[in-house]
Amino acid sequence: MFKKVVIFGVGLIGGSFALALRRAGQAAHIVGVGRSLQSLERARELGIIDAVATDAASAVQGADLILVAAPVAQTGPILASIAPHLEPQAIVTDAGSTKSDVVAAARMALGDRIVQFIPAHPIAGREKHGPEAALAELYEGKKVVITVLPENDAADVEIVAAAWRACGAVIHRLSPQEHDAVFASVSHLPHVLAFALVDDIAAKPHAATLFQYAASGFRDFTRIAASSPEMWRDITLANRDALLTEVDAYLLQLQNIRAMIAAGDGPGIEKIYASAQHARQQWAAAIEAAERKAS
């Protein structure tokens, strides 16, 4: 059991981590830190945290586990604020959706204390945010990627992994660079596309009519456009190089499909659609099998 867990950012991700640890009986005392006192007080009312801290020094005093669950652009400043007050037993981890930039920020902020920082990324979420969105079961059967650093102690890495396992998660490992390349393709690019499509339609003079007739296909494709703009702005810029590579590849695919549509190339269009359908079906079957195994 952790005697004191400190969470910077008690919204969906940090709040769900707190609730899951509490449900598993792995946290004796949980302290929340954040930009909004109102949000922190709400988290305390909901039983997500036990106490609110207003400064980094008092927050991390006596802590044995610290989670940074704020937007990735805030990771560096948060780590810099706690660095002078970190005690030797404290393990720091994060939940950021990008890792190379987070690791660079951590090295700058923590210096030699980088050994105490174990980068991680839980692959779970909802479009809702804030303390009210937190769920104790959010991480059940979900992946958590730990991007171990050369300086990390194996025992500390296992402590972070065990905390996420207590939340119901399955642990995976990638390097920071591998992580960012993978998620640029399967997470960050889809968010860019969903935001761009909805914004494009909303800007049309007859947007009200278009939205009136949008149905389940549009809803499913654009669901993630309801996510936090601030968080996804930070992710987009933090993973710029890998994301630009994916955007360029997607533009080439769109140009290819556009040429087929213009030429009336039915067989070519069907071939792409069939390939996509097969890949989607295989992926869905693999996910279902993994979920059955986890349950």
Protein backbone atom coordinates (compact mmCIF):
# COMPACT_ATOMS: atom_id res chain seq x y z
CA MET A 1 0.00 0.00 0.00
CA PHE A 2 1.12 3.55 -0.78
CA LYS A 3 1.05 5.72 2.31
CA LYS A 4 0.64 8.94 0.35
CA VAL A 5 -0.25 9.35 -3.32
CA VAL A 6 -0.11 12.80 -4.89
CA ILE A 7 -1.93 13.49 -8.15
CA PHE A 8 -1.38 16.60 -10.24
CA GLY A 9 -4.53 16.92 -12.33
CA VAL A 10 -7.52 15.20 -10.74
CA GLY A 11 -9.68 14.92 -13.85
CA LEU A 12 -10.62 11.87 -15.87
CA ILE A 13 -7.19 10.24 -15.93
CA GLY A 14 -5.85 11.26 -12.52
CA GLY A 15 -9.22 10.92 -10.82
CA SER A 16 -9.79 7.43 -12.25
CA PHE A 17 -6.31 6.40 -11.08
CA ALA A 18 -7.15 7.61 -7.58
CA LEU A 19 -10.50 5.82 -7.50
CA ALA A 20 -9.02 2.59 -8.83
CA LEU A 21 -6.16 2.60 -6.30
CA ARG A 22 -8.61 3.34 -3.51
CA ARG A 23 -10.92 0.53 -4.61
CA ALA A 24 -7.95 -1.86 -4.66
CA GLY A 25 -6.95 -0.80 -1.14
CA GLN A 26 -3.57 0.44 -2.35
CA ALA A 27 -3.65 4.08 -1.20
CA ALA A 28 -3.94 5.20 2.40
CA HIS A 29 -4.04 8.93 1.65
CA ILE A 30 -4.52 10.71 -1.70
CA VAL A 31 -3.72 14.38 -2.24
CA GLY A 32 -4.86 16.39 -5.24
CA VAL A 33 -3.06 19.33 -6.83
CA GLY A 34 -4.27 21.44 -9.74
CA ARG A 35 -4.96 24.82 -11.30
CA SER A 36 -8.59 25.00 -10.23
CA LEU A 37 -9.37 24.99 -6.51
CA GLN A 38 -13.04 24.54 -7.36
CA SER A 39 -12.26 21.37 -9.33
CA LEU A 40 -10.09 20.03 -6.51
CA GLU A 41 -12.79 20.67 -3.94
CA ARG A 42 -15.25 18.87 -6.18
CA ALA A 43 -12.87 15.91 -6.38
CA ARG A 44 -12.74 15.82 -2.59
CA GLU A 45 -16.55 15.97 -2.37
CA LEU A 46 -16.75 13.00 -4.73
CA GLY A 47 -14.34 10.98 -2.57
CA ILE A 48 -11.65 10.90 -5.25
CA ILE A 49 -9.04 12.56 -3.05
CA ASP A 50 -8.66 12.99 0.70
CA ALA A 51 -7.00 16.40 0.71
CA VAL A 52 -6.21 19.42 -1.46
CA ALA A 53 -2.69 20.89 -1.63
CA THR A 54 -2.10 24.45 -2.81
CA ASP A 55 1.69 24.31 -3.23
CA ALA A 56 4.17 21.75 -4.47
CA ALA A 57 6.29 21.64 -1.32
CA SER A 58 3.47 20.64 1.01
CA ALA A 59 1.92 18.38 -1.63
CA VAL A 60 4.91 16.07 -2.10
CA GLN A 61 6.07 16.00 1.51
CA GLY A 62 6.06 12.37 2.61
CA ALA A 63 4.77 11.14 -0.77
CA ASP A 64 5.81 7.74 -2.04
CA LEU A 65 3.99 7.96 -5.40
CA ILE A 66 3.39 11.09 -7.49
CA LEU A 67 1.35 11.04 -10.70
CA VAL A 68 1.40 13.93 -13.17
CA ALA A 69 -1.91 13.68 -15.02
CA ALA A 70 -2.04 17.20 -16.44
CA PRO A 71 -1.82 18.23 -20.14
CA VAL A 72 1.65 17.35 -21.45
CA ALA A 73 2.76 20.98 -21.82
CA GLN A 74 2.41 21.35 -18.06
CA THR A 75 4.63 18.37 -17.22
CA GLY A 76 7.92 20.29 -17.26
CA PRO A 77 6.73 23.14 -15.03
CA ILE A 78 5.12 20.71 -12.60
CA LEU A 79 8.28 18.61 -12.33
CA ALA A 80 10.38 21.75 -11.89
CA SER A 81 8.11 22.87 -9.05
CA ILE A 82 8.45 19.60 -7.14
CA ALA A 83 12.13 18.87 -7.89
CA PRO A 84 13.55 20.80 -4.87
CA HIS A 85 11.12 19.02 -2.55
CA LEU A 86 11.35 15.42 -3.78
CA GLU A 87 12.20 12.98 -1.04
CA PRO A 88 14.39 9.92 -1.80
CA GLN A 89 11.55 7.41 -1.48
CA ALA A 90 9.25 9.27 -3.88
CA ILE A 91 8.57 7.73 -7.28
CA VAL A 92 7.23 10.10 -9.93
CA THR A 93 5.31 8.95 -12.99
CA ASP A 94 3.04 10.54 -15.56
CA ALA A 95 0.10 9.76 -17.82
CA GLY A 96 1.04 11.85 -20.84
CA SER A 97 0.04 10.84 -24.37
CA THR A 98 3.48 11.76 -25.71
CA LYS A 99 6.75 10.56 -24.28
CA SER A 100 9.84 11.96 -26.02
CA ASP A 101 8.96 15.53 -25.10
CA VAL A 102 7.96 14.51 -21.57
CA VAL A 103 11.27 12.71 -21.04
CA ALA A 104 13.21 15.74 -22.32
CA ALA A 105 11.24 18.03 -20.00
CA ALA A 106 11.80 15.66 -17.09
CA ARG A 107 15.56 15.55 -17.66
CA MET A 108 15.71 19.33 -17.69
CA ALA A 109 13.51 19.73 -14.61
CA LEU A 110 14.83 16.89 -12.47
CA GLY A 111 18.50 16.63 -13.40
CA ASP A 112 20.10 13.76 -11.47
CA ARG A 113 16.72 12.94 -9.96
CA ILE A 114 15.54 11.64 -13.33
CA VAL A 115 16.16 8.22 -11.78
CA GLN A 116 12.96 8.80 -9.76
CA PHE A 117 10.83 9.46 -12.87
CA ILE A 118 9.13 6.50 -14.59
CA PRO A 119 7.31 7.68 -17.76
CA ALA A 120 4.00 5.96 -18.55
CA HIS A 121 0.87 6.33 -20.66
CA PRO A 122 -2.48 4.67 -19.87
CA ILE A 123 -4.34 3.84 -23.10
CA ALA A 124 -7.81 4.66 -21.85
CA GLY A 125 -10.12 7.62 -21.86
CA ARG A 126 -13.50 9.17 -22.49
CA GLU A 127 -14.60 12.35 -24.20
CA LYS A 128 -15.76 13.76 -20.85
CA HIS A 129 -13.28 15.40 -18.53
CA GLY A 130 -13.06 16.80 -15.03
CA PRO A 131 -13.55 15.02 -11.69
CA GLU A 132 -17.13 14.00 -12.54
CA ALA A 133 -15.82 11.94 -15.47
CA ALA A 134 -13.55 9.76 -13.30
CA LEU A 135 -14.36 6.05 -13.13
CA ALA A 136 -12.80 3.43 -10.86
CA GLU A 137 -13.10 0.86 -13.66
CA LEU A 138 -11.62 3.04 -16.45
CA TYR A 139 -8.36 1.05 -16.66
CA GLU A 140 -9.75 -2.47 -16.37
CA GLY A 141 -8.29 -4.55 -19.20
CA LYS A 142 -6.66 -1.48 -20.76
CA LYS A 143 -3.01 -1.15 -21.74
CA VAL A 144 -0.53 1.04 -19.90
CA VAL A 145 2.73 1.66 -21.76
CA ILE A 146 5.78 2.25 -19.58
CA THR A 147 8.73 3.83 -21.40
CA VAL A 148 11.57 2.85 -19.09
CA LEU A 149 14.62 5.13 -18.97
CA PRO A 150 18.22 3.83 -18.71
CA GLU A 151 18.54 5.50 -15.30
CA ASN A 152 15.45 3.86 -13.81
CA ASP A 153 15.78 1.25 -11.11
CA ALA A 154 13.99 -2.00 -11.97
CA ALA A 155 12.33 -2.11 -8.55
CA ASP A 156 10.89 1.38 -9.03
CA VAL A 157 9.59 0.45 -12.48
CA GLU A 158 7.87 -2.57 -10.96
CA ILE A 159 6.24 -0.39 -8.29
CA VAL A 160 4.70 1.81 -10.99
CA ALA A 161 3.66 -1.26 -12.97
CA ALA A 162 2.10 -2.80 -9.87
CA ALA A 163 0.12 0.38 -9.19
CA TRP A 164 -1.37 0.25 -12.69
CA ARG A 165 -2.03 -3.48 -12.38
CA ALA A 166 -3.94 -2.74 -9.18
CA CYS A 167 -6.11 -0.48 -11.34
CA GLY A 168 -6.79 -3.45 -13.64
CA ALA A 169 -4.40 -2.47 -16.43
CA VAL A 170 -2.11 -4.63 -18.57
CA ILE A 171 1.49 -3.43 -18.77
CA HIS A 172 3.37 -2.95 -22.04
CA ARG A 173 6.80 -1.45 -22.68
CA LEU A 174 8.09 0.72 -25.53
CA SER A 175 10.89 3.22 -25.91
CA PRO A 176 9.75 6.87 -25.93
CA GLN A 177 10.49 7.09 -29.65
CA GLU A 178 8.57 3.90 -30.46
CA HIS A 179 5.67 5.09 -28.35
CA ASP A 180 5.38 8.42 -30.15
CA ALA A 181 5.60 6.88 -33.62
CA VAL A 182 2.90 4.32 -32.80
CA PHE A 183 0.46 6.77 -31.25
CA ALA A 184 0.94 9.40 -33.92
CA SER A 185 -0.57 6.84 -36.28
CA VAL A 186 -3.36 5.22 -34.26
CA SER A 187 -4.37 7.98 -31.83
CA HIS A 188 -3.08 11.44 -32.65
CA LEU A 189 -3.87 11.39 -36.38
CA PRO A 190 -7.47 10.15 -35.83
CA HIS A 191 -8.04 13.03 -33.41
CA VAL A 192 -6.69 15.53 -35.93
CA LEU A 193 -9.03 14.12 -38.60
CA ALA A 194 -12.08 14.17 -36.35
CA PHE A 195 -11.47 17.73 -35.17
CA ALA A 196 -10.78 18.89 -38.73
CA LEU A 197 -13.91 17.30 -40.19
CA VAL A 198 -16.28 18.72 -37.56
CA ASP A 199 -14.68 22.16 -37.80
CA ASP A 200 -14.96 22.08 -41.60
CA ILE A 201 -18.67 21.23 -41.47
CA ALA A 202 -19.35 23.76 -38.71
CA ALA A 203 -17.83 26.52 -40.87
CA LYS A 204 -20.13 25.88 -43.84
CA PRO A 205 -23.04 28.30 -44.37
CA HIS A 206 -25.55 25.42 -44.19
CA ALA A 207 -23.92 23.73 -41.17
CA ALA A 208 -27.21 23.51 -39.26
CA THR A 209 -28.77 21.49 -42.07
CA LEU A 210 -25.73 19.21 -42.33
CA PHE A 211 -25.68 18.48 -38.61
CA GLN A 212 -29.44 17.89 -38.67
CA TYR A 213 -28.98 14.95 -41.00
CA ALA A 214 -25.75 13.57 -39.54
CA ALA A 215 -26.43 10.12 -38.12
CA SER A 216 -24.63 7.26 -36.41
CA GLY A 217 -21.77 7.00 -38.91
CA PHE A 218 -20.88 10.66 -38.42
CA ARG A 219 -21.32 10.30 -34.65
CA ASP A 220 -18.99 7.31 -34.48
CA PHE A 221 -16.33 8.84 -36.74
CA THR A 222 -16.30 12.17 -34.91
CA ARG A 223 -16.82 10.98 -31.32
CA ILE A 224 -13.29 11.93 -30.29
CA ALA A 225 -13.78 15.52 -31.49
CA ALA A 226 -15.61 16.03 -28.18
CA SER A 227 -12.27 15.61 -26.35
CA SER A 228 -10.45 18.41 -24.54
CA PRO A 229 -9.11 20.98 -27.06
CA GLU A 230 -6.37 22.09 -24.65
CA MET A 231 -5.10 18.58 -24.09
CA TRP A 232 -5.12 17.71 -27.79
CA ARG A 233 -3.50 21.00 -28.77
CA ASP A 234 -0.60 20.09 -26.49
CA ILE A 235 -0.40 16.52 -27.82
CA THR A 236 -0.49 17.70 -31.44
CA LEU A 237 2.42 20.08 -30.94
CA ALA A 238 4.38 17.80 -28.61
CA ASN A 239 4.43 14.97 -31.17
CA ARG A 240 4.80 17.29 -34.16
CA ASP A 241 7.44 15.42 -36.18
CA ALA A 242 5.85 11.98 -35.96
CA LEU A 243 2.38 13.44 -36.53
CA LEU A 244 3.49 15.39 -39.60
CA THR A 245 4.79 12.14 -41.09
CA GLU A 246 1.38 10.53 -40.56
CA VAL A 247 -0.53 13.55 -41.88
CA ASP A 248 1.59 13.56 -45.05
CA ALA A 249 1.00 9.83 -45.58
CA TYR A 250 -2.73 10.33 -45.12
CA LEU A 251 -2.78 13.22 -47.58
CA LEU A 252 -1.18 10.95 -50.18
CA GLN A 253 -3.87 8.33 -49.55
CA LEU A 254 -6.59 10.98 -49.91
CA GLN A 255 -5.05 12.20 -53.16
CA ASN A 256 -4.95 8.63 -54.41
CA ILE A 257 -8.62 8.08 -53.56
CA ARG A 258 -9.56 11.45 -55.05
CA ALA A 259 -7.92 10.48 -58.33
CA MET A 260 -9.86 7.20 -58.35
CA ILE A 261 -13.15 9.01 -57.67
CA ALA A 262 -12.44 11.52 -60.46
CA ALA A 263 -11.57 8.71 -62.87
CA GLY A 264 -14.58 6.61 -61.90
CA ASP A 265 -12.24 3.79 -60.87
CA GLY A 266 -14.71 1.54 -59.06
CA PRO A 267 -12.43 -1.52 -58.78
CA GLY A 268 -9.61 0.59 -57.32
CA ILE A 269 -11.90 2.18 -54.74
CA GLU A 270 -13.40 -1.18 -53.81
CA LYS A 271 -9.93 -2.68 -53.38
CA ILE A 272 -8.97 0.00 -50.83
CA TYR A 273 -12.30 -0.36 -49.03
CA ALA A 274 -12.02 -4.15 -48.92
CA SER A 275 -8.46 -3.99 -47.59
CA ALA A 276 -9.57 -1.55 -44.91
CA GLN A 277 -12.58 -3.68 -43.99
CA HIS A 278 -10.40 -6.79 -43.60
CA ALA A 279 -7.84 -4.97 -41.44
CA ARG A 280 -10.61 -3.45 -39.29
CA GLN A 281 -12.26 -6.83 -38.77
CA GLN A 282 -8.97 -8.47 -37.80
CA TRP A 283 -8.19 -5.67 -35.35
CA ALA A 284 -11.66 -5.86 -33.76
CA ALA A 285 -11.39 -9.64 -33.39
CA ALA A 286 -7.98 -9.30 -31.71
CA ILE A 287 -9.35 -6.68 -29.28
CA GLU A 288 -12.33 -8.87 -28.40
CA ALA A 289 -10.08 -11.88 -27.82
CA ALA A 290 -7.81 -9.85 -25.55
CA GLU A 291 -10.78 -8.55 -23.57
CA ARG A 292 -12.16 -12.08 -23.10
CA LYS A 293 -8.74 -13.23 -21.88
CA ALA A 294 -8.47 -10.28 -19.47
CA SER A 295 -11.91 -10.97 -18.01
